[in-house]
Amino acid sequence: MKFWSNSDVPTPGATIPELRLLAAVLQRAIHDFIGGDGDVREGARSWLMDDEPTDAPLSFRFICEALDLDGDSLRKAIQRQADAQVREFAASDASLA
């Protein structure tokens, strides 16, 4: 359930502090998933990729809905980026051997 509407934004360039916070949470999770390791990466993966109810506060789906993002498409893009990062790391590691 949304607690505000994006139609409440007064001008196209205006930002709502709560939306900026939600975007920052999402950005941090993506960063931790793609560039993190161990428990940090696994926690980010779980939050990004596991389904939770849409109305769960600060869930991936809730944030995507609040930011008007397509969560499924975003998940696929994030996974593609993470896979590319792994391939790049493996290639650079192989060239060092």
PDB file of N, CA and C in Angstrom:
ATOM      1  N   MET A   1       0.840  -1.171   0.000  1.00  0.00           N
ATOM      2  CA  MET A   1       0.000   0.000   0.000  1.00  0.00           C
ATOM      3  C   MET A   1       0.885   1.233   0.000  1.00  0.00           C
ATOM      4  N   LYS A   2       0.625   2.144  -0.913  1.00  0.00           N
ATOM      5  CA  LYS A   2       1.365   3.400  -0.956  1.00  0.00           C
ATOM      6  C   LYS A   2       0.802   4.345   0.091  1.00  0.00           C
ATOM      7  N   PHE A   3       1.690   5.106   0.694  1.00  0.00           N
ATOM      8  CA  PHE A   3       1.259   6.096   1.664  1.00  0.00           C
ATOM      9  C   PHE A   3       1.214   7.483   1.059  1.00  0.00           C
ATOM     10  N   TRP A   4       1.645   7.606  -0.167  1.00  0.00           N
ATOM     11  CA  TRP A   4       1.564   8.864  -0.892  1.00  0.00           C
ATOM     12  C   TRP A   4       1.431   8.525  -2.364  1.00  0.00           C
ATOM     13  N   SER A   5       1.156   9.521  -3.135  1.00  0.00           N
ATOM     14  CA  SER A   5       0.995   9.314  -4.568  1.00  0.00           C
ATOM     15  C   SER A   5       2.026  10.154  -5.301  1.00  0.00           C
ATOM     16  N   ASN A   6       2.554   9.607  -6.374  1.00  0.00           N
ATOM     17  CA  ASN A   6       3.508  10.372  -7.165  1.00  0.00           C
ATOM     18  C   ASN A   6       2.836  11.553  -7.841  1.00  0.00           C
ATOM     19  N   SER A   7       1.513  11.548  -7.906  1.00  0.00           N
ATOM     20  CA  SER A   7       0.809  12.690  -8.478  1.00  0.00           C
ATOM     21  C   SER A   7       0.869  13.893  -7.544  1.00  0.00           C
ATOM     22  N   ASP A   8       1.341  13.684  -6.304  1.00  0.00           N
ATOM     23  CA  ASP A   8       1.479  14.791  -5.363  1.00  0.00           C
ATOM     24  C   ASP A   8       2.724  15.628  -5.634  1.00  0.00           C
ATOM     25  N   VAL A   9       3.594  15.166  -6.520  1.00  0.00           N
ATOM     26  CA  VAL A   9       4.812  15.911  -6.834  1.00  0.00           C
ATOM     27  C   VAL A   9       4.406  17.190  -7.554  1.00  0.00           C
ATOM     28  N   PRO A  10       4.754  18.366  -7.009  1.00  0.00           N
ATOM     29  CA  PRO A  10       4.284  19.625  -7.582  1.00  0.00           C
ATOM     30  C   PRO A  10       4.843  19.956  -8.957  1.00  0.00           C
ATOM     31  N   THR A  11       6.110  19.645  -9.209  1.00  0.00           N
ATOM     32  CA  THR A  11       6.706  19.937 -10.511  1.00  0.00           C
ATOM     33  C   THR A  11       7.529  18.740 -10.951  1.00  0.00           C
ATOM     34  N   PRO A  12       7.773  18.598 -12.254  1.00  0.00           N
ATOM     35  CA  PRO A  12       8.524  17.434 -12.729  1.00  0.00           C
ATOM     36  C   PRO A  12       9.911  17.295 -12.115  1.00  0.00           C
ATOM     37  N   GLY A  13      10.588  18.383 -11.805  1.00  0.00           N
ATOM     38  CA  GLY A  13      11.928  18.310 -11.252  1.00  0.00           C
ATOM     39  C   GLY A  13      11.972  18.227  -9.739  1.00  0.00           C
ATOM     40  N   ALA A  14      10.835  18.352  -9.086  1.00  0.00           N
ATOM     41  CA  ALA A  14      10.804  18.360  -7.625  1.00  0.00           C
ATOM     42  C   ALA A  14      11.023  16.952  -7.076  1.00  0.00           C
ATOM     43  N   THR A  15      11.593  16.867  -5.900  1.00  0.00           N
ATOM     44  CA  THR A  15      11.774  15.578  -5.245  1.00  0.00           C
ATOM     45  C   THR A  15      11.114  15.608  -3.878  1.00  0.00           C
ATOM     46  N   ILE A  16      10.643  14.461  -3.475  1.00  0.00           N
ATOM     47  CA  ILE A  16      10.071  14.290  -2.151  1.00  0.00           C
ATOM     48  C   ILE A  16      11.140  13.582  -1.323  1.00  0.00           C
ATOM     49  N   PRO A  17      11.475  14.100  -0.152  1.00  0.00           N
ATOM     50  CA  PRO A  17      12.551  13.488   0.640  1.00  0.00           C
ATOM     51  C   PRO A  17      12.357  11.991   0.871  1.00  0.00           C
ATOM     52  N   GLU A  18      11.128  11.558   1.091  1.00  0.00           N
ATOM     53  CA  GLU A  18      10.884  10.133   1.317  1.00  0.00           C
ATOM     54  C   GLU A  18      11.244   9.300   0.082  1.00  0.00           C
ATOM     55  N   LEU A  19      10.977   9.838  -1.100  1.00  0.00           N
ATOM     56  CA  LEU A  19      11.317   9.118  -2.324  1.00  0.00           C
ATOM     57  C   LEU A  19      12.828   9.054  -2.509  1.00  0.00           C
ATOM     58  N   ARG A  20      13.509  10.115  -2.150  1.00  0.00           N
ATOM     59  CA  ARG A  20      14.970  10.101  -2.226  1.00  0.00           C
ATOM     60  C   ARG A  20      15.543   9.050  -1.278  1.00  0.00           C
ATOM     61  N   LEU A  21      14.951   8.917  -0.101  1.00  0.00           N
ATOM     62  CA  LEU A  21      15.392   7.904   0.856  1.00  0.00           C
ATOM     63  C   LEU A  21      15.163   6.503   0.299  1.00  0.00           C
ATOM     64  N   LEU A  22      13.987   6.269  -0.271  1.00  0.00           N
ATOM     65  CA  LEU A  22      13.696   4.962  -0.851  1.00  0.00           C
ATOM     66  C   LEU A  22      14.666   4.643  -1.989  1.00  0.00           C
ATOM     67  N   ALA A  23      14.957   5.640  -2.811  1.00  0.00           N
ATOM     68  CA  ALA A  23      15.909   5.441  -3.909  1.00  0.00           C
ATOM     69  C   ALA A  23      17.294   5.112  -3.356  1.00  0.00           C
ATOM     70  N   ALA A  24      17.679   5.741  -2.256  1.00  0.00           N
ATOM     71  CA  ALA A  24      18.982   5.476  -1.646  1.00  0.00           C
ATOM     72  C   ALA A  24      19.046   4.053  -1.090  1.00  0.00           C
ATOM     73  N   VAL A  25      17.958   3.575  -0.499  1.00  0.00           N
ATOM     74  CA  VAL A  25      17.907   2.202   0.019  1.00  0.00           C
ATOM     75  C   VAL A  25      18.092   1.218  -1.139  1.00  0.00           C
ATOM     76  N   LEU A  26      17.372   1.464  -2.228  1.00  0.00           N
ATOM     77  CA  LEU A  26      17.472   0.601  -3.404  1.00  0.00           C
ATOM     78  C   LEU A  26      18.885   0.642  -3.989  1.00  0.00           C
ATOM     79  N   GLN A  27      19.436   1.825  -4.109  1.00  0.00           N
ATOM     80  CA  GLN A  27      20.786   1.978  -4.656  1.00  0.00           C
ATOM     81  C   GLN A  27      21.811   1.226  -3.807  1.00  0.00           C
ATOM     82  N   ARG A  28      21.688   1.309  -2.498  1.00  0.00           N
ATOM     83  CA  ARG A  28      22.635   0.631  -1.599  1.00  0.00           C
ATOM     84  C   ARG A  28      22.536  -0.885  -1.749  1.00  0.00           C
ATOM     85  N   ALA A  29      21.310  -1.385  -1.859  1.00  0.00           N
ATOM     86  CA  ALA A  29      21.127  -2.827  -2.011  1.00  0.00           C
ATOM     87  C   ALA A  29      21.736  -3.316  -3.318  1.00  0.00           C
ATOM     88  N   ILE A  30      21.546  -2.565  -4.388  1.00  0.00           N
ATOM     89  CA  ILE A  30      22.127  -2.944  -5.682  1.00  0.00           C
ATOM     90  C   ILE A  30      23.649  -2.937  -5.589  1.00  0.00           C
ATOM     91  N   HIS A  31      24.197  -1.904  -4.994  1.00  0.00           N
ATOM     92  CA  HIS A  31      25.650  -1.799  -4.818  1.00  0.00           C
ATOM     93  C   HIS A  31      26.178  -2.979  -4.003  1.00  0.00           C
ATOM     94  N   ASP A  32      25.512  -3.314  -2.915  1.00  0.00           N
ATOM     95  CA  ASP A  32      25.960  -4.418  -2.063  1.00  0.00           C
ATOM     96  C   ASP A  32      25.854  -5.762  -2.782  1.00  0.00           C
ATOM     97  N   PHE A  33      24.829  -5.930  -3.615  1.00  0.00           N
ATOM     98  CA  PHE A  33      24.659  -7.183  -4.341  1.00  0.00           C
ATOM     99  C   PHE A  33      25.710  -7.343  -5.426  1.00  0.00           C
ATOM    100  N   ILE A  34      25.975  -6.290  -6.151  1.00  0.00           N
ATOM    101  CA  ILE A  34      26.909  -6.376  -7.273  1.00  0.00           C
ATOM    102  C   ILE A  34      28.359  -6.338  -6.791  1.00  0.00           C
ATOM    103  N   GLY A  35      28.652  -5.493  -5.808  1.00  0.00           N
ATOM    104  CA  GLY A  35      30.036  -5.314  -5.402  1.00  0.00           C
ATOM    105  C   GLY A  35      30.403  -5.877  -4.053  1.00  0.00           C
ATOM    106  N   GLY A  36      29.424  -6.364  -3.324  1.00  0.00           N
ATOM    107  CA  GLY A  36      29.709  -6.866  -1.982  1.00  0.00           C
ATOM    108  C   GLY A  36      30.164  -8.310  -1.994  1.00  0.00           C
ATOM    109  N   ASP A  37      30.418  -8.824  -0.802  1.00  0.00           N
ATOM    110  CA  ASP A  37      30.748 -10.238  -0.687  1.00  0.00           C
ATOM    111  C   ASP A  37      30.230 -10.764   0.645  1.00  0.00           C
ATOM    112  N   GLY A  38      30.201 -12.071   0.765  1.00  0.00           N
ATOM    113  CA  GLY A  38      29.789 -12.713   2.003  1.00  0.00           C
ATOM    114  C   GLY A  38      28.358 -12.396   2.397  1.00  0.00           C
ATOM    115  N   ASP A  39      28.184 -12.137   3.697  1.00  0.00           N
ATOM    116  CA  ASP A  39      26.852 -11.886   4.239  1.00  0.00           C
ATOM    117  C   ASP A  39      26.205 -10.620   3.682  1.00  0.00           C
ATOM    118  N   VAL A  40      27.028  -9.617   3.382  1.00  0.00           N
ATOM    119  CA  VAL A  40      26.488  -8.369   2.827  1.00  0.00           C
ATOM    120  C   VAL A  40      25.844  -8.641   1.475  1.00  0.00           C
ATOM    121  N   ARG A  41      26.559  -9.359   0.629  1.00  0.00           N
ATOM    122  CA  ARG A  41      26.030  -9.684  -0.702  1.00  0.00           C
ATOM    123  C   ARG A  41      24.790 -10.570  -0.589  1.00  0.00           C
ATOM    124  N   GLU A  42      24.848 -11.573   0.281  1.00  0.00           N
ATOM    125  CA  GLU A  42      23.717 -12.485   0.431  1.00  0.00           C
ATOM    126  C   GLU A  42      22.482 -11.766   0.978  1.00  0.00           C
ATOM    127  N   GLY A  43      22.677 -10.865   1.926  1.00  0.00           N
ATOM    128  CA  GLY A  43      21.548 -10.092   2.444  1.00  0.00           C
ATOM    129  C   GLY A  43      20.918  -9.220   1.370  1.00  0.00           C
ATOM    130  N   ALA A  44      21.753  -8.590   0.556  1.00  0.00           N
ATOM    131  CA  ALA A  44      21.244  -7.769  -0.543  1.00  0.00           C
ATOM    132  C   ALA A  44      20.541  -8.631  -1.576  1.00  0.00           C
ATOM    133  N   ARG A  45      21.118  -9.800  -1.894  1.00  0.00           N
ATOM    134  CA  ARG A  45      20.485 -10.709  -2.847  1.00  0.00           C
ATOM    135  C   ARG A  45      19.110 -11.139  -2.365  1.00  0.00           C
ATOM    136  N   SER A  46      19.035 -11.484  -1.106  1.00  0.00           N
ATOM    137  CA  SER A  46      17.767 -11.914  -0.527  1.00  0.00           C
ATOM    138  C   SER A  46      16.726 -10.804  -0.614  1.00  0.00           C
ATOM    139  N   TRP A  47      17.108  -9.594  -0.258  1.00  0.00           N
ATOM    140  CA  TRP A  47      16.169  -8.468  -0.271  1.00  0.00           C
ATOM    141  C   TRP A  47      15.743  -8.135  -1.697  1.00  0.00           C
ATOM    142  N   LEU A  48      16.673  -8.177  -2.630  1.00  0.00           N
ATOM    143  CA  LEU A  48      16.368  -7.821  -4.016  1.00  0.00           C
ATOM    144  C   LEU A  48      15.583  -8.898  -4.746  1.00  0.00           C
ATOM    145  N   MET A  49      15.922 -10.148  -4.537  1.00  0.00           N
ATOM    146  CA  MET A  49      15.412 -11.220  -5.391  1.00  0.00           C
ATOM    147  C   MET A  49      14.265 -12.034  -4.792  1.00  0.00           C
ATOM    148  N   ASP A  50      14.117 -12.038  -3.473  1.00  0.00           N
ATOM    149  CA  ASP A  50      13.037 -12.809  -2.859  1.00  0.00           C
ATOM    150  C   ASP A  50      11.755 -11.992  -2.854  1.00  0.00           C
ATOM    151  N   ASP A  51      10.637 -12.665  -3.095  1.00  0.00           N
ATOM    152  CA  ASP A  51       9.348 -11.963  -3.099  1.00  0.00           C
ATOM    153  C   ASP A  51       8.818 -11.810  -1.685  1.00  0.00           C
ATOM    154  N   GLU A  52       8.364 -10.609  -1.413  1.00  0.00           N
ATOM    155  CA  GLU A  52       7.693 -10.296  -0.156  1.00  0.00           C
ATOM    156  C   GLU A  52       6.388  -9.611  -0.509  1.00  0.00           C
ATOM    157  N   PRO A  53       5.467  -9.545   0.419  1.00  0.00           N
ATOM    158  CA  PRO A  53       4.226  -8.814   0.129  1.00  0.00           C
ATOM    159  C   PRO A  53       4.530  -7.371  -0.261  1.00  0.00           C
ATOM    160  N   THR A  54       3.784  -6.847  -1.217  1.00  0.00           N
ATOM    161  CA  THR A  54       4.012  -5.491  -1.720  1.00  0.00           C
ATOM    162  C   THR A  54       3.888  -4.442  -0.631  1.00  0.00           C
ATOM    163  N   ASP A  55       3.022  -4.689   0.350  1.00  0.00           N
ATOM    164  CA  ASP A  55       2.791  -3.670   1.369  1.00  0.00           C
ATOM    165  C   ASP A  55       3.750  -3.774   2.553  1.00  0.00           C
ATOM    166  N   ALA A  56       4.712  -4.712   2.505  1.00  0.00           N
ATOM    167  CA  ALA A  56       5.689  -4.794   3.585  1.00  0.00           C
ATOM    168  C   ALA A  56       6.556  -3.541   3.543  1.00  0.00           C
ATOM    169  N   PRO A  57       6.657  -2.821   4.652  1.00  0.00           N
ATOM    170  CA  PRO A  57       7.435  -1.575   4.650  1.00  0.00           C
ATOM    171  C   PRO A  57       8.884  -1.816   4.238  1.00  0.00           C
ATOM    172  N   LEU A  58       9.343  -1.013   3.327  1.00  0.00           N
ATOM    173  CA  LEU A  58      10.710  -1.041   2.817  1.00  0.00           C
ATOM    174  C   LEU A  58      11.095  -2.345   2.128  1.00  0.00           C
ATOM    175  N   SER A  59      10.121  -3.090   1.637  1.00  0.00           N
ATOM    176  CA  SER A  59      10.446  -4.260   0.826  1.00  0.00           C
ATOM    177  C   SER A  59      10.827  -3.778  -0.573  1.00  0.00           C
ATOM    178  N   PHE A  60      11.476  -4.645  -1.328  1.00  0.00           N
ATOM    179  CA  PHE A  60      11.868  -4.302  -2.691  1.00  0.00           C
ATOM    180  C   PHE A  60      10.645  -3.902  -3.509  1.00  0.00           C
ATOM    181  N   ARG A  61       9.602  -4.684  -3.442  1.00  0.00           N
ATOM    182  CA  ARG A  61       8.389  -4.386  -4.231  1.00  0.00           C
ATOM    183  C   ARG A  61       7.745  -3.076  -3.793  1.00  0.00           C
ATOM    184  N   PHE A  62       7.712  -2.822  -2.495  1.00  0.00           N
ATOM    185  CA  PHE A  62       7.144  -1.569  -1.995  1.00  0.00           C
ATOM    186  C   PHE A  62       7.912  -0.370  -2.549  1.00  0.00           C
ATOM    187  N   ILE A  63       9.237  -0.455  -2.508  1.00  0.00           N
ATOM    188  CA  ILE A  63      10.067   0.646  -2.997  1.00  0.00           C
ATOM    189  C   ILE A  63       9.902   0.823  -4.497  1.00  0.00           C
ATOM    190  N   CYS A  64       9.875  -0.278  -5.234  1.00  0.00           N
ATOM    191  CA  CYS A  64       9.672  -0.168  -6.689  1.00  0.00           C
ATOM    192  C   CYS A  64       8.324   0.482  -6.997  1.00  0.00           C
ATOM    193  N   GLU A  65       7.297   0.095  -6.277  1.00  0.00           N
ATOM    194  CA  GLU A  65       5.977   0.685  -6.504  1.00  0.00           C
ATOM    195  C   GLU A  65       5.998   2.177  -6.185  1.00  0.00           C
ATOM    196  N   ALA A  66       6.611   2.536  -5.085  1.00  0.00           N
ATOM    197  CA  ALA A  66       6.659   3.941  -4.684  1.00  0.00           C
ATOM    198  C   ALA A  66       7.439   4.787  -5.681  1.00  0.00           C
ATOM    199  N   LEU A  67       8.461   4.188  -6.311  1.00  0.00           N
ATOM    200  CA  LEU A  67       9.295   4.910  -7.265  1.00  0.00           C
ATOM    201  C   LEU A  67       8.827   4.720  -8.710  1.00  0.00           C
ATOM    202  N   ASP A  68       7.706   4.061  -8.877  1.00  0.00           N
ATOM    203  CA  ASP A  68       7.150   3.774 -10.211  1.00  0.00           C
ATOM    204  C   ASP A  68       8.130   3.009 -11.092  1.00  0.00           C
ATOM    205  N   LEU A  69       8.760   1.994 -10.524  1.00  0.00           N
ATOM    206  CA  LEU A  69       9.692   1.142 -11.258  1.00  0.00           C
ATOM    207  C   LEU A  69       9.067  -0.232 -11.461  1.00  0.00           C
ATOM    208  N   ASP A  70       9.399  -0.870 -12.561  1.00  0.00           N
ATOM    209  CA  ASP A  70       8.966  -2.237 -12.825  1.00  0.00           C
ATOM    210  C   ASP A  70       9.946  -3.164 -12.111  1.00  0.00           C
ATOM    211  N   GLY A  71       9.518  -3.714 -10.989  1.00  0.00           N
ATOM    212  CA  GLY A  71      10.399  -4.527 -10.159  1.00  0.00           C
ATOM    213  C   GLY A  71      10.967  -5.735 -10.865  1.00  0.00           C
ATOM    214  N   ASP A  72      10.155  -6.423 -11.666  1.00  0.00           N
ATOM    215  CA  ASP A  72      10.637  -7.617 -12.362  1.00  0.00           C
ATOM    216  C   ASP A  72      11.719  -7.270 -13.377  1.00  0.00           C
ATOM    217  N   SER A  73      11.503  -6.207 -14.134  1.00  0.00           N
ATOM    218  CA  SER A  73      12.512  -5.782 -15.111  1.00  0.00           C
ATOM    219  C   SER A  73      13.782  -5.316 -14.407  1.00  0.00           C
ATOM    220  N   LEU A  74      13.616  -4.617 -13.305  1.00  0.00           N
ATOM    221  CA  LEU A  74      14.776  -4.148 -12.554  1.00  0.00           C
ATOM    222  C   LEU A  74      15.565  -5.324 -12.005  1.00  0.00           C
ATOM    223  N   ARG A  75      14.880  -6.336 -11.484  1.00  0.00           N
ATOM    224  CA  ARG A  75      15.566  -7.526 -10.982  1.00  0.00           C
ATOM    225  C   ARG A  75      16.387  -8.186 -12.083  1.00  0.00           C
ATOM    226  N   LYS A  76      15.805  -8.316 -13.267  1.00  0.00           N
ATOM    227  CA  LYS A  76      16.518  -8.937 -14.379  1.00  0.00           C
ATOM    228  C   LYS A  76      17.761  -8.124 -14.750  1.00  0.00           C
ATOM    229  N   ALA A  77      17.620  -6.812 -14.774  1.00  0.00           N
ATOM    230  CA  ALA A  77      18.758  -5.950 -15.114  1.00  0.00           C
ATOM    231  C   ALA A  77      19.856  -6.047 -14.051  1.00  0.00           C
ATOM    232  N   ILE A  78      19.460  -6.085 -12.794  1.00  0.00           N
ATOM    233  CA  ILE A  78      20.429  -6.211 -11.703  1.00  0.00           C
ATOM    234  C   ILE A  78      21.160  -7.545 -11.802  1.00  0.00           C
ATOM    235  N   GLN A  79      20.419  -8.608 -12.072  1.00  0.00           N
ATOM    236  CA  GLN A  79      21.035  -9.930 -12.191  1.00  0.00           C
ATOM    237  C   GLN A  79      21.985  -9.991 -13.379  1.00  0.00           C
ATOM    238  N   ARG A  80      21.606  -9.379 -14.503  1.00  0.00           N
ATOM    239  CA  ARG A  80      22.498  -9.341 -15.664  1.00  0.00           C
ATOM    240  C   ARG A  80      23.793  -8.609 -15.323  1.00  0.00           C
ATOM    241  N   GLN A  81      23.676  -7.493 -14.603  1.00  0.00           N
ATOM    242  CA  GLN A  81      24.866  -6.728 -14.217  1.00  0.00           C
ATOM    243  C   GLN A  81      25.754  -7.543 -13.282  1.00  0.00           C
ATOM    244  N   ALA A  82      25.143  -8.227 -12.328  1.00  0.00           N
ATOM    245  CA  ALA A  82      25.921  -9.050 -11.401  1.00  0.00           C
ATOM    246  C   ALA A  82      26.611 -10.187 -12.139  1.00  0.00           C
ATOM    247  N   ASP A  83      25.910 -10.817 -13.088  1.00  0.00           N
ATOM    248  CA  ASP A  83      26.514 -11.896 -13.874  1.00  0.00           C
ATOM    249  C   ASP A  83      27.687 -11.381 -14.700  1.00  0.00           C
ATOM    250  N   ALA A  84      27.524 -10.208 -15.294  1.00  0.00           N
ATOM    251  CA  ALA A  84      28.605  -9.604 -16.084  1.00  0.00           C
ATOM    252  C   ALA A  84      29.813  -9.312 -15.198  1.00  0.00           C
ATOM    253  N   GLN A  85      29.547  -8.862 -13.986  1.00  0.00           N
ATOM    254  CA  GLN A  85      30.635  -8.564 -13.038  1.00  0.00           C
ATOM    255  C   GLN A  85      31.404  -9.833 -12.695  1.00  0.00           C
ATOM    256  N   VAL A  86      30.680 -10.933 -12.498  1.00  0.00           N
ATOM    257  CA  VAL A  86      31.325 -12.208 -12.182  1.00  0.00           C
ATOM    258  C   VAL A  86      32.168 -12.678 -13.368  1.00  0.00           C
ATOM    259  N   ARG A  87      31.615 -12.568 -14.587  1.00  0.00           N
ATOM    260  CA  ARG A  87      32.368 -12.977 -15.782  1.00  0.00           C
ATOM    261  C   ARG A  87      33.628 -12.123 -15.945  1.00  0.00           C
ATOM    262  N   GLU A  88      33.481 -10.826 -15.714  1.00  0.00           N
ATOM    263  CA  GLU A  88      34.638  -9.919 -15.831  1.00  0.00           C
ATOM    264  C   GLU A  88      35.709 -10.276 -14.822  1.00  0.00           C
ATOM    265  N   PHE A  89      35.293 -10.566 -13.598  1.00  0.00           N
ATOM    266  CA  PHE A  89      36.248 -10.939 -12.548  1.00  0.00           C
ATOM    267  C   PHE A  89      36.932 -12.250 -12.908  1.00  0.00           C
ATOM    268  N   ALA A  90      36.164 -13.222 -13.394  1.00  0.00           N
ATOM    269  CA  ALA A  90      36.730 -14.520 -13.760  1.00  0.00           C
ATOM    270  C   ALA A  90      37.733 -14.367 -14.902  1.00  0.00           C
ATOM    271  N   ALA A  91      37.419 -13.510 -15.881  1.00  0.00           N
ATOM    272  CA  ALA A  91      38.317 -13.294 -17.014  1.00  0.00           C
ATOM    273  C   ALA A  91      39.616 -12.640 -16.552  1.00  0.00           C
ATOM    274  N   SER A  92      39.510 -11.647 -15.679  1.00  0.00           N
ATOM    275  CA  SER A  92      40.722 -10.969 -15.206  1.00  0.00           C
ATOM    276  C   SER A  92      41.546 -11.888 -14.314  1.00  0.00           C
ATOM    277  N   ASP A  93      40.862 -12.739 -13.546  1.00  0.00           N
ATOM    278  CA  ASP A  93      41.551 -13.697 -12.688  1.00  0.00           C
ATOM    279  C   ASP A  93      42.275 -14.733 -13.538  1.00  0.00           C
ATOM    280  N   ALA A  94      41.659 -15.169 -14.636  1.00  0.00           N
ATOM    281  CA  ALA A  94      42.285 -16.159 -15.529  1.00  0.00           C
ATOM    282  C   ALA A  94      43.497 -15.570 -16.234  1.00  0.00           C
ATOM    283  N   SER A  95      43.421 -14.286 -16.558  1.00  0.00           N
ATOM    284  CA  SER A  95      44.561 -13.667 -17.263  1.00  0.00           C
ATOM    285  C   SER A  95      45.760 -13.471 -16.348  1.00  0.00           C
ATOM    286  N   LEU A  96      45.543 -13.453 -15.046  1.00  0.00           N
ATOM    287  CA  LEU A  96      46.634 -13.318 -14.081  1.00  0.00           C
ATOM    288  C   LEU A  96      47.345 -14.650 -13.838  1.00  0.00           C
ATOM    289  N   ALA A  97      46.642 -15.734 -14.140  1.00  0.00           N
ATOM    290  CA  ALA A  97      47.219 -17.068 -13.865  1.00  0.00           C
ATOM    291  C   ALA A  97      48.195 -17.534 -14.909  1.00  0.00           C
TER     292      ALA A  97
END
